[in-house]
Amino acid sequence: LEWVSGPTRMGAELEYLDALENGYVAARVFGRREMGKLFAAADVSSHWFEESVNGEDFAVTGAVTAGIDLAKGFSAVVSGRAGMTPFLEQTFDVMAKLVYNSTYRIREVR
């Protein structure tokens, strides 16, 4: 499910996986706001496992990103992510990066 209004994009996703060894139900919410050449985004995803993994039946991860559009599809971005999962009890990282957007729109039909 996705909603767009001007420079704001928001959405939500639901997933279900029934696997041979373990399955899960997952939910994700995300949003992005563009302010001229600046942009900000946030993303949170959660998983509920059918069977415990390392004694845990739940995982959650969130990310916040801010950036500025540079020339010719390049952007400078700072992103932070934190979470709690059965594989990493707690995790946190921050990354600064130069990214390239390879999406090209020639004509959009509505």
N, C-alpha and C. Protein backbone atom coordinates (compact mmCIF):
# COMPACT_ATOMS: atom_id res chain seq x y z
N LEU A 1 0.86 -1.16 0.00
CA LEU A 1 0.00 0.00 0.00
C LEU A 1 0.91 1.22 0.00
N GLU A 2 0.67 2.15 -0.92
CA GLU A 2 1.50 3.35 -0.99
C GLU A 2 0.63 4.57 -1.26
N TRP A 3 1.02 5.69 -0.65
CA TRP A 3 0.29 6.94 -0.79
C TRP A 3 1.28 8.03 -1.15
N VAL A 4 0.94 8.82 -2.17
CA VAL A 4 1.81 9.91 -2.60
C VAL A 4 0.98 11.19 -2.65
N SER A 5 1.53 12.25 -2.06
CA SER A 5 0.90 13.56 -2.11
C SER A 5 2.00 14.59 -2.27
N GLY A 6 2.16 15.11 -3.46
CA GLY A 6 3.21 16.09 -3.71
C GLY A 6 4.57 15.51 -3.40
N PRO A 7 5.35 16.16 -2.53
CA PRO A 7 6.69 15.69 -2.23
C PRO A 7 6.76 14.61 -1.14
N THR A 8 5.60 14.12 -0.67
CA THR A 8 5.56 13.14 0.40
C THR A 8 5.11 11.78 -0.13
N ARG A 9 5.83 10.75 0.26
CA ARG A 9 5.48 9.37 -0.11
C ARG A 9 5.49 8.55 1.17
N MET A 10 4.39 7.83 1.41
CA MET A 10 4.27 6.99 2.60
C MET A 10 3.70 5.65 2.18
N GLY A 11 4.00 4.62 2.97
CA GLY A 11 3.47 3.32 2.61
C GLY A 11 3.56 2.33 3.75
N ALA A 12 2.94 1.19 3.50
CA ALA A 12 2.94 0.08 4.45
C ALA A 12 2.93 -1.22 3.67
N GLU A 13 3.56 -2.24 4.24
CA GLU A 13 3.59 -3.56 3.62
C GLU A 13 3.30 -4.62 4.67
N LEU A 14 2.65 -5.69 4.26
CA LEU A 14 2.45 -6.87 5.10
C LEU A 14 2.97 -8.08 4.33
N GLU A 15 3.64 -8.99 5.01
CA GLU A 15 4.17 -10.19 4.38
C GLU A 15 3.83 -11.40 5.24
N TYR A 16 3.70 -12.53 4.58
CA TYR A 16 3.54 -13.80 5.28
C TYR A 16 4.39 -14.83 4.55
N LEU A 17 5.23 -15.55 5.28
CA LEU A 17 6.05 -16.60 4.71
C LEU A 17 5.84 -17.87 5.51
N ASP A 18 5.42 -18.92 4.83
CA ASP A 18 5.26 -20.23 5.46
C ASP A 18 6.35 -21.13 4.87
N ALA A 19 7.46 -21.25 5.59
CA ALA A 19 8.60 -22.02 5.11
C ALA A 19 8.66 -23.36 5.82
N LEU A 20 9.46 -24.27 5.28
CA LEU A 20 9.58 -25.61 5.82
C LEU A 20 10.11 -25.60 7.26
N GLU A 21 11.14 -24.81 7.54
CA GLU A 21 11.73 -24.79 8.88
C GLU A 21 11.11 -23.74 9.79
N ASN A 22 10.81 -22.57 9.28
CA ASN A 22 10.22 -21.51 10.10
C ASN A 22 9.59 -20.49 9.16
N GLY A 23 8.56 -19.86 9.60
CA GLY A 23 7.91 -18.83 8.81
C GLY A 23 7.77 -17.57 9.64
N TYR A 24 7.18 -16.54 9.05
CA TYR A 24 7.00 -15.29 9.78
C TYR A 24 5.87 -14.47 9.18
N VAL A 25 5.42 -13.53 9.97
CA VAL A 25 4.54 -12.45 9.53
C VAL A 25 5.36 -11.18 9.70
N ALA A 26 5.38 -10.32 8.69
CA ALA A 26 6.18 -9.10 8.75
C ALA A 26 5.32 -7.90 8.42
N ALA A 27 5.67 -6.78 9.01
CA ALA A 27 5.00 -5.51 8.72
C ALA A 27 6.07 -4.43 8.55
N ARG A 28 5.84 -3.52 7.62
CA ARG A 28 6.79 -2.44 7.35
C ARG A 28 6.01 -1.16 7.09
N VAL A 29 6.48 -0.06 7.65
CA VAL A 29 5.95 1.27 7.34
C VAL A 29 7.13 2.14 6.94
N PHE A 30 6.91 3.01 5.97
CA PHE A 30 7.99 3.84 5.47
C PHE A 30 7.44 5.18 4.99
N GLY A 31 8.33 6.15 4.90
CA GLY A 31 7.95 7.46 4.38
C GLY A 31 9.16 8.20 3.86
N ARG A 32 8.90 9.11 2.93
CA ARG A 32 9.96 9.95 2.36
C ARG A 32 9.36 11.31 2.06
N ARG A 33 10.13 12.32 2.34
CA ARG A 33 9.70 13.71 2.09
C ARG A 33 10.82 14.42 1.35
N GLU A 34 10.50 15.05 0.24
CA GLU A 34 11.47 15.82 -0.53
C GLU A 34 11.22 17.30 -0.29
N MET A 35 12.31 18.04 -0.03
CA MET A 35 12.24 19.47 0.24
C MET A 35 13.26 20.16 -0.66
N GLY A 36 12.88 20.36 -1.92
CA GLY A 36 13.83 20.90 -2.89
C GLY A 36 14.90 19.88 -3.17
N LYS A 37 16.16 20.24 -2.97
CA LYS A 37 17.26 19.30 -3.17
C LYS A 37 17.49 18.39 -1.96
N LEU A 38 16.88 18.72 -0.82
CA LEU A 38 17.01 17.91 0.39
C LEU A 38 15.91 16.85 0.46
N PHE A 39 16.21 15.74 1.11
CA PHE A 39 15.18 14.72 1.34
C PHE A 39 15.44 14.01 2.66
N ALA A 40 14.38 13.46 3.21
CA ALA A 40 14.47 12.69 4.46
C ALA A 40 13.56 11.48 4.32
N ALA A 41 13.97 10.36 4.93
CA ALA A 41 13.18 9.13 4.86
C ALA A 41 13.28 8.40 6.19
N ALA A 42 12.24 7.61 6.47
CA ALA A 42 12.21 6.76 7.66
C ALA A 42 11.58 5.44 7.29
N ASP A 43 12.01 4.37 7.95
CA ASP A 43 11.56 3.02 7.62
C ASP A 43 11.62 2.16 8.88
N VAL A 44 10.53 1.47 9.20
CA VAL A 44 10.51 0.56 10.35
C VAL A 44 9.91 -0.77 9.87
N SER A 45 10.61 -1.88 10.17
CA SER A 45 10.06 -3.19 9.82
C SER A 45 10.14 -4.13 11.02
N SER A 46 9.13 -4.98 11.14
CA SER A 46 9.04 -5.94 12.24
C SER A 46 8.70 -7.31 11.69
N HIS A 47 9.25 -8.34 12.34
CA HIS A 47 8.97 -9.73 11.98
C HIS A 47 8.54 -10.49 13.23
N TRP A 48 7.48 -11.28 13.11
CA TRP A 48 7.02 -12.18 14.16
C TRP A 48 7.20 -13.60 13.64
N PHE A 49 8.08 -14.36 14.26
CA PHE A 49 8.43 -15.69 13.79
C PHE A 49 7.44 -16.73 14.32
N GLU A 50 7.15 -17.75 13.49
CA GLU A 50 6.27 -18.84 13.92
C GLU A 50 6.93 -19.67 15.02
N GLU A 51 8.23 -19.89 14.90
CA GLU A 51 8.99 -20.61 15.92
C GLU A 51 10.15 -19.72 16.36
N SER A 52 10.50 -19.79 17.63
CA SER A 52 11.57 -18.95 18.17
C SER A 52 12.90 -19.20 17.46
N VAL A 53 13.66 -18.13 17.29
CA VAL A 53 15.01 -18.19 16.73
C VAL A 53 15.94 -17.65 17.82
N ASN A 54 16.86 -18.49 18.28
CA ASN A 54 17.77 -18.12 19.37
C ASN A 54 17.01 -17.58 20.58
N GLY A 55 15.84 -18.18 20.85
CA GLY A 55 15.04 -17.80 22.01
C GLY A 55 14.19 -16.56 21.81
N GLU A 56 14.20 -15.98 20.62
CA GLU A 56 13.42 -14.77 20.34
C GLU A 56 12.36 -15.08 19.28
N ASP A 57 11.19 -14.47 19.42
CA ASP A 57 10.15 -14.67 18.42
C ASP A 57 9.76 -13.38 17.70
N PHE A 58 10.58 -12.34 17.87
CA PHE A 58 10.25 -11.02 17.32
C PHE A 58 11.54 -10.31 16.90
N ALA A 59 11.48 -9.53 15.84
CA ALA A 59 12.61 -8.70 15.40
C ALA A 59 12.07 -7.36 14.92
N VAL A 60 12.78 -6.30 15.19
CA VAL A 60 12.39 -4.96 14.72
C VAL A 60 13.65 -4.20 14.31
N THR A 61 13.55 -3.48 13.20
CA THR A 61 14.65 -2.67 12.68
C THR A 61 14.08 -1.36 12.17
N GLY A 62 14.76 -0.26 12.46
CA GLY A 62 14.33 1.05 11.98
C GLY A 62 15.50 1.81 11.37
N ALA A 63 15.20 2.67 10.42
CA ALA A 63 16.25 3.46 9.76
C ALA A 63 15.74 4.87 9.51
N VAL A 64 16.66 5.84 9.61
CA VAL A 64 16.38 7.23 9.30
C VAL A 64 17.48 7.70 8.35
N THR A 65 17.08 8.40 7.29
CA THR A 65 18.03 8.84 6.27
C THR A 65 17.77 10.29 5.93
N ALA A 66 18.84 11.05 5.70
CA ALA A 66 18.75 12.43 5.21
C ALA A 66 19.79 12.60 4.13
N GLY A 67 19.45 13.39 3.12
CA GLY A 67 20.40 13.56 2.04
C GLY A 67 20.13 14.81 1.22
N ILE A 68 21.03 15.04 0.28
CA ILE A 68 20.91 16.16 -0.64
C ILE A 68 21.23 15.67 -2.04
N ASP A 69 20.40 16.07 -3.00
CA ASP A 69 20.63 15.73 -4.39
C ASP A 69 21.77 16.57 -4.93
N LEU A 70 22.73 15.92 -5.56
CA LEU A 70 23.83 16.60 -6.22
C LEU A 70 23.54 16.60 -7.72
N ALA A 71 24.53 16.70 -8.54
CA ALA A 71 24.35 16.75 -9.98
C ALA A 71 24.26 15.37 -10.62
N LYS A 72 23.51 15.26 -11.70
CA LYS A 72 23.46 14.10 -12.59
C LYS A 72 23.13 12.78 -11.88
N GLY A 73 22.14 12.79 -10.98
CA GLY A 73 21.69 11.57 -10.34
C GLY A 73 22.43 11.17 -9.08
N PHE A 74 23.44 11.90 -8.68
CA PHE A 74 24.20 11.59 -7.46
C PHE A 74 23.59 12.30 -6.27
N SER A 75 23.68 11.65 -5.10
CA SER A 75 23.21 12.23 -3.84
C SER A 75 24.23 11.95 -2.75
N ALA A 76 24.35 12.87 -1.81
CA ALA A 76 25.13 12.66 -0.59
C ALA A 76 24.13 12.32 0.51
N VAL A 77 24.36 11.21 1.22
CA VAL A 77 23.36 10.68 2.14
C VAL A 77 24.02 10.29 3.47
N VAL A 78 23.32 10.56 4.58
CA VAL A 78 23.69 10.07 5.91
C VAL A 78 22.52 9.23 6.39
N SER A 79 22.82 8.01 6.83
CA SER A 79 21.77 7.09 7.23
C SER A 79 22.13 6.43 8.56
N GLY A 80 21.14 6.29 9.43
CA GLY A 80 21.33 5.60 10.70
C GLY A 80 20.32 4.48 10.81
N ARG A 81 20.75 3.36 11.36
CA ARG A 81 19.87 2.19 11.49
C ARG A 81 20.07 1.57 12.87
N ALA A 82 18.97 1.11 13.47
CA ALA A 82 19.03 0.44 14.77
C ALA A 82 18.01 -0.69 14.77
N GLY A 83 18.31 -1.72 15.54
CA GLY A 83 17.36 -2.82 15.60
C GLY A 83 17.70 -3.84 16.65
N MET A 84 16.74 -4.74 16.85
CA MET A 84 16.90 -5.89 17.75
C MET A 84 16.40 -7.10 16.98
N THR A 85 17.29 -8.09 16.78
CA THR A 85 16.93 -9.29 16.04
C THR A 85 17.44 -10.51 16.80
N PRO A 86 16.97 -11.71 16.43
CA PRO A 86 17.50 -12.92 17.08
C PRO A 86 18.96 -13.19 16.74
N PHE A 87 19.47 -12.58 15.69
CA PHE A 87 20.85 -12.82 15.25
C PHE A 87 21.82 -11.79 15.83
N LEU A 88 21.36 -10.56 15.99
CA LEU A 88 22.14 -9.50 16.63
C LEU A 88 21.23 -8.91 17.71
N GLU A 89 21.55 -9.17 18.97
CA GLU A 89 20.66 -8.76 20.05
C GLU A 89 20.29 -7.29 19.93
N GLN A 90 21.30 -6.45 19.71
CA GLN A 90 21.07 -5.03 19.44
C GLN A 90 22.08 -4.61 18.39
N THR A 91 21.62 -3.79 17.47
CA THR A 91 22.52 -3.31 16.43
C THR A 91 22.27 -1.83 16.17
N PHE A 92 23.33 -1.11 15.85
CA PHE A 92 23.22 0.32 15.54
C PHE A 92 24.37 0.67 14.61
N ASP A 93 24.08 1.38 13.54
CA ASP A 93 25.16 1.86 12.67
C ASP A 93 24.75 3.16 12.01
N VAL A 94 25.74 3.93 11.64
CA VAL A 94 25.56 5.18 10.92
C VAL A 94 26.50 5.14 9.72
N MET A 95 26.00 5.57 8.57
CA MET A 95 26.81 5.51 7.37
C MET A 95 26.62 6.78 6.55
N ALA A 96 27.70 7.33 6.06
CA ALA A 96 27.66 8.44 5.11
C ALA A 96 28.08 7.87 3.77
N LYS A 97 27.33 8.21 2.71
CA LYS A 97 27.64 7.61 1.43
C LYS A 97 27.29 8.52 0.27
N LEU A 98 27.94 8.28 -0.82
CA LEU A 98 27.65 8.93 -2.10
C LEU A 98 26.89 7.90 -2.92
N VAL A 99 25.66 8.21 -3.34
CA VAL A 99 24.84 7.23 -4.05
C VAL A 99 24.46 7.74 -5.43
N TYR A 100 24.14 6.80 -6.30
CA TYR A 100 23.71 7.12 -7.66
C TYR A 100 22.34 6.52 -7.89
N ASN A 101 21.40 7.34 -8.31
CA ASN A 101 20.04 6.90 -8.62
C ASN A 101 19.97 6.59 -10.10
N SER A 102 19.80 5.32 -10.43
CA SER A 102 19.78 4.91 -11.83
C SER A 102 18.37 4.86 -12.42
N THR A 103 17.41 5.52 -11.78
CA THR A 103 16.04 5.55 -12.30
C THR A 103 15.88 6.73 -13.25
N TYR A 104 15.43 6.44 -14.44
CA TYR A 104 15.22 7.48 -15.44
C TYR A 104 13.77 7.44 -15.88
N ARG A 105 13.10 8.57 -15.82
CA ARG A 105 11.72 8.66 -16.28
C ARG A 105 11.69 9.55 -17.51
N ILE A 106 11.27 8.96 -18.61
CA ILE A 106 11.20 9.74 -19.84
C ILE A 106 9.82 10.35 -19.97
N ARG A 107 8.78 9.53 -19.72
CA ARG A 107 7.41 10.01 -19.81
C ARG A 107 6.57 9.18 -18.86
N GLU A 108 5.77 9.85 -18.07
CA GLU A 108 4.90 9.15 -17.13
C GLU A 108 3.47 9.24 -17.62
N VAL A 109 2.82 8.07 -17.72
CA VAL A 109 1.44 8.01 -18.18
C VAL A 109 0.54 7.85 -16.97
N ARG A 110 -0.49 8.69 -16.88
CA ARG A 110 -1.43 8.60 -15.76
C ARG A 110 -2.82 8.32 -16.25
